[in-house]
Structure formats: structure tokens, C-alpha cells
């Protein structure tokens, strides 16, 4: 079942393939983006269950800082700037969604790869 309209999916995947992926070619940047996404997703239940729930406000920092750090060090872009959260050409939510899709694709790829290498 797909909750997103076909028009949105077409616009989003055009953005994903033409804007997001070309800006994330360096493997180190990819690693830091995936690390930030995974740490952010772990932080939400951890902060609710084991820490005070107010610590969930740290999520944007835990989720975003590794990617910002990676772009600053490894993949600078003069046109866009190093701090990509200030971009106005696309919604920040699209970048967050793209980060999650990118991370899940990587996890799926490497989990399938290990499965095939064992056989």
C-alpha cells in the first residue's frame, strides 16, 4: 500500500536522482549520513524509554550533525554552501526523507550482499 500520491513520488524521485544523489558521491559522506540517520532513529526510543523524554529535542542535532560534518570536510559545494540546512531550493523535509531512503537502501544492499556471499 502506498500512502504518497503518484505526483509526489514522481517529483520526489526526480529530486532524489538529480539533486540528492549527485551531492552524495563520496563514500565518507554516505557513511556519515547513514550514521546520523541510524543514530537519530536509535535516539528517539532510547530517550523516551531510558532518559527523560525532553531529551528527544536532541534528535535534530544527533540526526543532522554527522551529515553536515561530512559535507564540510569531504564534499564541499560552493553553489549550495557547506551548511545545507539553509537551502531554499528544496524543502528540508525532502532532504530528511532522502537521507532515510538512502540509509535504508544501503542497509538493504549490504544485508543482501552478505546473504549472497555466504551461499
N, C-alpha and C. Protein backbone atom coordinates (compact mmCIF):
# COMPACT_ATOMS: atom_id res chain seq x y z
N UNK A 1 0.85 -1.17 0.00
CA UNK A 1 0.00 0.00 0.00
C UNK A 1 0.90 1.24 0.00
N UNK A 2 0.58 2.18 -0.83
CA UNK A 2 1.39 3.38 -0.94
C UNK A 2 0.58 4.58 -0.48
N UNK A 3 1.12 5.30 0.52
CA UNK A 3 0.39 6.43 1.10
C UNK A 3 0.66 7.74 0.37
N UNK A 4 1.67 7.78 -0.47
CA UNK A 4 2.01 9.01 -1.17
C UNK A 4 1.42 9.01 -2.57
N UNK A 5 0.98 10.17 -2.99
CA UNK A 5 0.39 10.25 -4.32
C UNK A 5 1.45 10.02 -5.39
N UNK A 6 1.00 9.59 -6.54
CA UNK A 6 1.92 9.32 -7.64
C UNK A 6 2.64 10.60 -8.08
N UNK A 7 1.94 11.73 -8.09
CA UNK A 7 2.56 13.00 -8.48
C UNK A 7 3.69 13.38 -7.53
N UNK A 8 3.47 13.17 -6.20
CA UNK A 8 4.53 13.47 -5.24
C UNK A 8 5.72 12.55 -5.44
N UNK A 9 5.45 11.27 -5.63
CA UNK A 9 6.55 10.30 -5.82
C UNK A 9 7.37 10.65 -7.04
N UNK A 10 6.73 11.06 -8.12
CA UNK A 10 7.46 11.43 -9.35
C UNK A 10 8.34 12.64 -9.08
N UNK A 11 7.79 13.68 -8.42
CA UNK A 11 8.59 14.87 -8.11
C UNK A 11 9.71 14.55 -7.14
N UNK A 12 9.43 13.74 -6.12
CA UNK A 12 10.45 13.43 -5.13
C UNK A 12 11.58 12.61 -5.74
N UNK A 13 11.27 11.58 -6.52
CA UNK A 13 12.33 10.75 -7.07
C UNK A 13 13.13 11.47 -8.15
N UNK A 14 12.52 12.45 -8.78
CA UNK A 14 13.30 13.30 -9.69
C UNK A 14 14.31 14.10 -8.88
N UNK A 15 13.87 14.69 -7.77
CA UNK A 15 14.78 15.40 -6.86
C UNK A 15 15.85 14.45 -6.33
N UNK A 16 15.45 13.27 -5.90
CA UNK A 16 16.36 12.29 -5.31
C UNK A 16 17.47 11.90 -6.30
N UNK A 17 17.09 11.62 -7.53
CA UNK A 17 18.07 11.18 -8.53
C UNK A 17 18.89 12.31 -9.13
N UNK A 18 18.31 13.49 -9.27
CA UNK A 18 19.01 14.59 -9.94
C UNK A 18 19.71 15.56 -9.00
N UNK A 19 19.27 15.65 -7.75
CA UNK A 19 19.86 16.60 -6.81
C UNK A 19 20.57 15.88 -5.67
N UNK A 20 19.85 15.01 -4.98
CA UNK A 20 20.40 14.40 -3.77
C UNK A 20 21.57 13.45 -4.05
N UNK A 21 21.36 12.49 -4.93
CA UNK A 21 22.43 11.51 -5.19
C UNK A 21 23.71 12.12 -5.75
N UNK A 22 23.65 13.06 -6.70
CA UNK A 22 24.90 13.66 -7.17
C UNK A 22 25.67 14.42 -6.08
N UNK A 23 24.98 14.89 -5.06
CA UNK A 23 25.66 15.60 -3.97
C UNK A 23 26.21 14.64 -2.91
N UNK A 24 25.99 13.36 -3.08
CA UNK A 24 26.43 12.38 -2.10
C UNK A 24 27.19 11.25 -2.80
N UNK A 25 28.27 11.60 -3.44
CA UNK A 25 29.08 10.61 -4.18
C UNK A 25 30.25 10.08 -3.36
N UNK A 26 30.75 10.87 -2.44
CA UNK A 26 31.90 10.46 -1.64
C UNK A 26 31.45 9.41 -0.61
N UNK A 27 32.11 8.26 -0.55
CA UNK A 27 31.71 7.21 0.39
C UNK A 27 31.76 7.65 1.85
N UNK A 28 32.65 8.57 2.17
CA UNK A 28 32.73 9.06 3.55
C UNK A 28 31.50 9.87 3.90
N UNK A 29 31.02 10.66 2.96
CA UNK A 29 29.80 11.43 3.19
C UNK A 29 28.60 10.49 3.34
N UNK A 30 28.55 9.48 2.51
CA UNK A 30 27.48 8.49 2.60
C UNK A 30 27.49 7.81 3.97
N UNK A 31 28.69 7.44 4.42
CA UNK A 31 28.82 6.79 5.72
C UNK A 31 28.31 7.69 6.84
N UNK A 32 28.72 8.96 6.83
CA UNK A 32 28.29 9.86 7.90
C UNK A 32 26.80 10.15 7.85
N UNK A 33 26.23 10.23 6.67
CA UNK A 33 24.78 10.42 6.57
C UNK A 33 24.04 9.21 7.13
N UNK A 34 24.48 8.02 6.76
CA UNK A 34 23.84 6.81 7.27
C UNK A 34 24.02 6.71 8.79
N UNK A 35 25.20 7.04 9.27
CA UNK A 35 25.46 7.02 10.71
C UNK A 35 24.53 7.97 11.45
N UNK A 36 24.37 9.18 10.95
CA UNK A 36 23.48 10.15 11.59
C UNK A 36 22.03 9.69 11.58
N UNK A 37 21.60 9.12 10.47
CA UNK A 37 20.22 8.65 10.38
C UNK A 37 19.97 7.51 11.36
N UNK A 38 20.89 6.55 11.40
CA UNK A 38 20.73 5.41 12.31
C UNK A 38 20.80 5.87 13.77
N UNK A 39 21.76 6.74 14.09
CA UNK A 39 21.85 7.25 15.47
C UNK A 39 20.59 8.01 15.86
N UNK A 40 20.04 8.79 14.93
CA UNK A 40 18.81 9.52 15.22
C UNK A 40 17.64 8.60 15.47
N UNK A 41 17.53 7.55 14.66
CA UNK A 41 16.43 6.61 14.84
C UNK A 41 16.57 5.79 16.12
N UNK A 42 17.79 5.54 16.55
CA UNK A 42 18.02 4.85 17.82
C UNK A 42 17.76 5.80 18.99
N UNK A 43 18.08 7.07 18.81
CA UNK A 43 17.95 8.05 19.89
C UNK A 43 16.50 8.25 20.34
N UNK A 44 15.56 8.23 19.42
CA UNK A 44 14.16 8.52 19.78
C UNK A 44 13.64 7.52 20.83
N UNK A 45 13.64 6.20 20.57
CA UNK A 45 13.13 5.30 21.61
C UNK A 45 14.03 5.26 22.85
N UNK A 46 15.35 5.41 22.66
CA UNK A 46 16.26 5.41 23.80
C UNK A 46 15.95 6.56 24.74
N UNK A 47 15.74 7.74 24.19
CA UNK A 47 15.47 8.89 25.05
C UNK A 47 14.11 8.79 25.73
N UNK A 48 13.14 8.20 25.07
CA UNK A 48 11.81 8.06 25.67
C UNK A 48 11.81 7.00 26.76
N UNK A 49 12.50 5.88 26.52
CA UNK A 49 12.46 4.77 27.46
C UNK A 49 13.46 4.91 28.61
N UNK A 50 14.65 5.39 28.34
CA UNK A 50 15.70 5.34 29.35
C UNK A 50 16.11 6.71 29.90
N UNK A 51 15.88 7.74 29.17
CA UNK A 51 16.23 9.08 29.62
C UNK A 51 14.94 9.86 29.84
N UNK A 52 15.08 11.08 30.18
CA UNK A 52 13.90 11.92 30.30
C UNK A 52 13.39 12.23 28.89
N UNK A 53 12.08 12.14 28.64
CA UNK A 53 11.56 12.38 27.29
C UNK A 53 11.93 13.73 26.67
N UNK A 54 12.28 14.71 27.49
CA UNK A 54 12.66 16.01 26.95
C UNK A 54 13.95 15.90 26.15
N UNK A 55 14.74 14.87 26.39
CA UNK A 55 16.00 14.71 25.64
C UNK A 55 15.76 14.39 24.17
N UNK A 56 14.52 14.15 23.80
CA UNK A 56 14.22 13.92 22.39
C UNK A 56 14.49 15.18 21.56
N UNK A 57 14.56 16.34 22.22
CA UNK A 57 14.87 17.57 21.48
C UNK A 57 16.28 17.54 20.91
N UNK A 58 17.13 16.62 21.36
CA UNK A 58 18.48 16.47 20.81
C UNK A 58 18.47 15.75 19.46
N UNK A 59 17.33 15.21 19.07
CA UNK A 59 17.25 14.44 17.83
C UNK A 59 17.78 15.19 16.61
N UNK A 60 17.39 16.45 16.36
CA UNK A 60 17.91 17.12 15.15
C UNK A 60 19.44 17.23 15.14
N UNK A 61 20.03 17.41 16.31
CA UNK A 61 21.49 17.50 16.38
C UNK A 61 22.12 16.15 16.10
N UNK A 62 21.63 15.11 16.75
CA UNK A 62 22.18 13.77 16.56
C UNK A 62 21.97 13.29 15.13
N UNK A 63 20.83 13.62 14.58
CA UNK A 63 20.49 13.18 13.23
C UNK A 63 21.24 13.96 12.16
N UNK A 64 21.41 15.26 12.35
CA UNK A 64 21.94 16.11 11.29
C UNK A 64 23.41 16.42 11.31
N UNK A 65 24.02 16.46 12.49
CA UNK A 65 25.41 16.90 12.60
C UNK A 65 26.38 16.01 11.82
N UNK A 66 26.25 14.69 11.84
CA UNK A 66 27.21 13.90 11.05
C UNK A 66 27.20 14.23 9.57
N UNK A 67 26.02 14.45 8.99
CA UNK A 67 25.94 14.80 7.57
C UNK A 67 26.52 16.17 7.28
N UNK A 68 26.22 17.13 8.14
CA UNK A 68 26.78 18.48 7.98
C UNK A 68 28.30 18.43 8.08
N UNK A 69 28.79 17.68 9.07
CA UNK A 69 30.22 17.49 9.27
C UNK A 69 30.87 16.89 8.02
N UNK A 70 30.23 15.87 7.45
CA UNK A 70 30.78 15.20 6.27
C UNK A 70 30.82 16.14 5.06
N UNK A 71 29.78 16.91 4.86
CA UNK A 71 29.78 17.84 3.74
C UNK A 71 30.84 18.93 3.93
N UNK A 72 31.03 19.34 5.14
CA UNK A 72 32.05 20.36 5.43
C UNK A 72 33.45 19.83 5.14
N UNK A 73 33.70 18.57 5.49
CA UNK A 73 35.04 18.01 5.32
C UNK A 73 35.30 17.40 3.95
N UNK A 74 34.34 16.67 3.41
CA UNK A 74 34.62 15.83 2.25
C UNK A 74 33.96 16.30 0.95
N UNK A 75 32.78 16.84 1.01
CA UNK A 75 32.05 17.20 -0.21
C UNK A 75 31.55 18.63 -0.14
N UNK A 76 32.46 19.53 -0.31
CA UNK A 76 32.08 20.95 -0.30
C UNK A 76 31.42 21.31 -1.62
N UNK A 77 30.48 22.22 -1.55
CA UNK A 77 29.77 22.65 -2.74
C UNK A 77 29.61 24.16 -2.65
N UNK A 78 30.34 24.86 -3.48
CA UNK A 78 30.33 26.33 -3.44
C UNK A 78 28.96 26.91 -3.78
N UNK A 79 28.26 26.27 -4.71
CA UNK A 79 26.97 26.79 -5.14
C UNK A 79 25.92 26.67 -4.03
N UNK A 80 25.93 25.54 -3.35
CA UNK A 80 24.94 25.27 -2.31
C UNK A 80 25.42 25.77 -0.96
N UNK A 81 26.70 25.69 -0.71
CA UNK A 81 27.25 26.04 0.60
C UNK A 81 27.44 24.80 1.45
N UNK A 82 28.21 24.93 2.48
CA UNK A 82 28.51 23.79 3.33
C UNK A 82 27.37 23.47 4.30
N UNK A 83 26.63 24.48 4.70
CA UNK A 83 25.54 24.27 5.63
C UNK A 83 24.25 24.14 4.84
N UNK A 84 23.92 22.93 4.49
CA UNK A 84 22.82 22.70 3.56
C UNK A 84 21.45 22.84 4.18
N UNK A 85 21.39 23.00 5.48
CA UNK A 85 20.08 23.20 6.10
C UNK A 85 19.52 24.57 5.76
N UNK A 86 20.35 25.45 5.23
CA UNK A 86 19.90 26.78 4.83
C UNK A 86 19.40 26.82 3.38
N UNK A 87 19.34 25.70 2.73
CA UNK A 87 18.91 25.69 1.33
C UNK A 87 17.45 26.11 1.20
N UNK A 88 17.18 26.84 0.14
CA UNK A 88 15.82 27.30 -0.11
C UNK A 88 15.25 26.72 -1.41
N UNK A 89 16.07 26.00 -2.18
CA UNK A 89 15.57 25.48 -3.45
C UNK A 89 14.67 24.26 -3.28
N UNK A 90 14.87 23.50 -2.20
CA UNK A 90 14.03 22.33 -1.91
C UNK A 90 13.72 22.32 -0.42
N UNK A 91 12.64 21.69 -0.07
CA UNK A 91 12.24 21.60 1.33
C UNK A 91 13.24 20.77 2.12
N UNK A 92 13.50 21.18 3.36
CA UNK A 92 14.38 20.39 4.22
C UNK A 92 13.81 19.00 4.49
N UNK A 93 12.49 18.90 4.48
CA UNK A 93 11.87 17.59 4.70
C UNK A 93 12.22 16.61 3.58
N UNK A 94 12.40 17.12 2.37
CA UNK A 94 12.78 16.25 1.27
C UNK A 94 14.17 15.67 1.51
N UNK A 95 15.07 16.49 2.05
CA UNK A 95 16.42 16.00 2.34
C UNK A 95 16.40 14.98 3.48
N UNK A 96 15.56 15.22 4.47
CA UNK A 96 15.44 14.25 5.57
C UNK A 96 14.88 12.94 5.04
N UNK A 97 13.84 13.01 4.23
CA UNK A 97 13.27 11.81 3.63
C UNK A 97 14.30 11.11 2.75
N UNK A 98 15.05 11.88 1.98
CA UNK A 98 16.08 11.28 1.12
C UNK A 98 17.16 10.61 1.95
N UNK A 99 17.55 11.21 3.08
CA UNK A 99 18.54 10.58 3.96
C UNK A 99 18.05 9.23 4.45
N UNK A 100 16.79 9.17 4.84
CA UNK A 100 16.24 7.91 5.36
C UNK A 100 16.14 6.86 4.25
N UNK A 101 15.69 7.25 3.09
CA UNK A 101 15.60 6.31 1.97
C UNK A 101 16.99 5.80 1.61
N UNK A 102 17.94 6.72 1.54
CA UNK A 102 19.33 6.37 1.21
C UNK A 102 19.89 5.38 2.22
N UNK A 103 19.67 5.64 3.50
CA UNK A 103 20.18 4.75 4.55
C UNK A 103 19.53 3.38 4.46
N UNK A 104 18.23 3.32 4.28
CA UNK A 104 17.55 2.03 4.20
C UNK A 104 17.98 1.27 2.95
N UNK A 105 18.23 1.97 1.86
CA UNK A 105 18.74 1.29 0.66
C UNK A 105 20.12 0.69 0.92
N UNK A 106 20.98 1.42 1.62
CA UNK A 106 22.31 0.90 1.94
C UNK A 106 22.24 -0.31 2.86
N UNK A 107 21.42 -0.22 3.89
CA UNK A 107 21.27 -1.34 4.81
C UNK A 107 20.73 -2.56 4.07
N UNK A 108 19.74 -2.37 3.24
CA UNK A 108 19.18 -3.47 2.47
C UNK A 108 20.23 -4.07 1.53
N UNK A 109 20.98 -3.20 0.85
CA UNK A 109 22.00 -3.68 -0.09
C UNK A 109 23.05 -4.52 0.64
N UNK A 110 23.57 -4.02 1.75
CA UNK A 110 24.63 -4.75 2.45
C UNK A 110 24.10 -6.00 3.14
N UNK A 111 22.86 -6.00 3.59
CA UNK A 111 22.31 -7.22 4.18
C UNK A 111 22.11 -8.29 3.11
N UNK A 112 21.68 -7.90 1.93
CA UNK A 112 21.53 -8.87 0.83
C UNK A 112 22.88 -9.35 0.34
N UNK A 113 23.86 -8.47 0.31
CA UNK A 113 25.19 -8.81 -0.16
C UNK A 113 25.83 -9.88 0.73
N UNK A 114 25.69 -9.72 2.06
CA UNK A 114 26.23 -10.71 2.97
C UNK A 114 25.52 -12.04 2.81
N UNK A 115 24.24 -12.00 2.55
CA UNK A 115 23.47 -13.23 2.37
C UNK A 115 23.98 -14.00 1.14
N UNK A 116 24.24 -13.28 0.05
CA UNK A 116 24.73 -13.93 -1.16
C UNK A 116 26.16 -14.41 -1.02
N UNK A 117 26.98 -13.71 -0.25
CA UNK A 117 28.37 -14.13 -0.07
C UNK A 117 28.46 -15.41 0.75
N UNK A 118 27.51 -15.66 1.65
CA UNK A 118 27.53 -16.86 2.46
C UNK A 118 27.13 -18.10 1.67
N UNK A 119 26.36 -17.91 0.62
CA UNK A 119 25.89 -19.05 -0.18
C UNK A 119 26.81 -19.36 -1.32
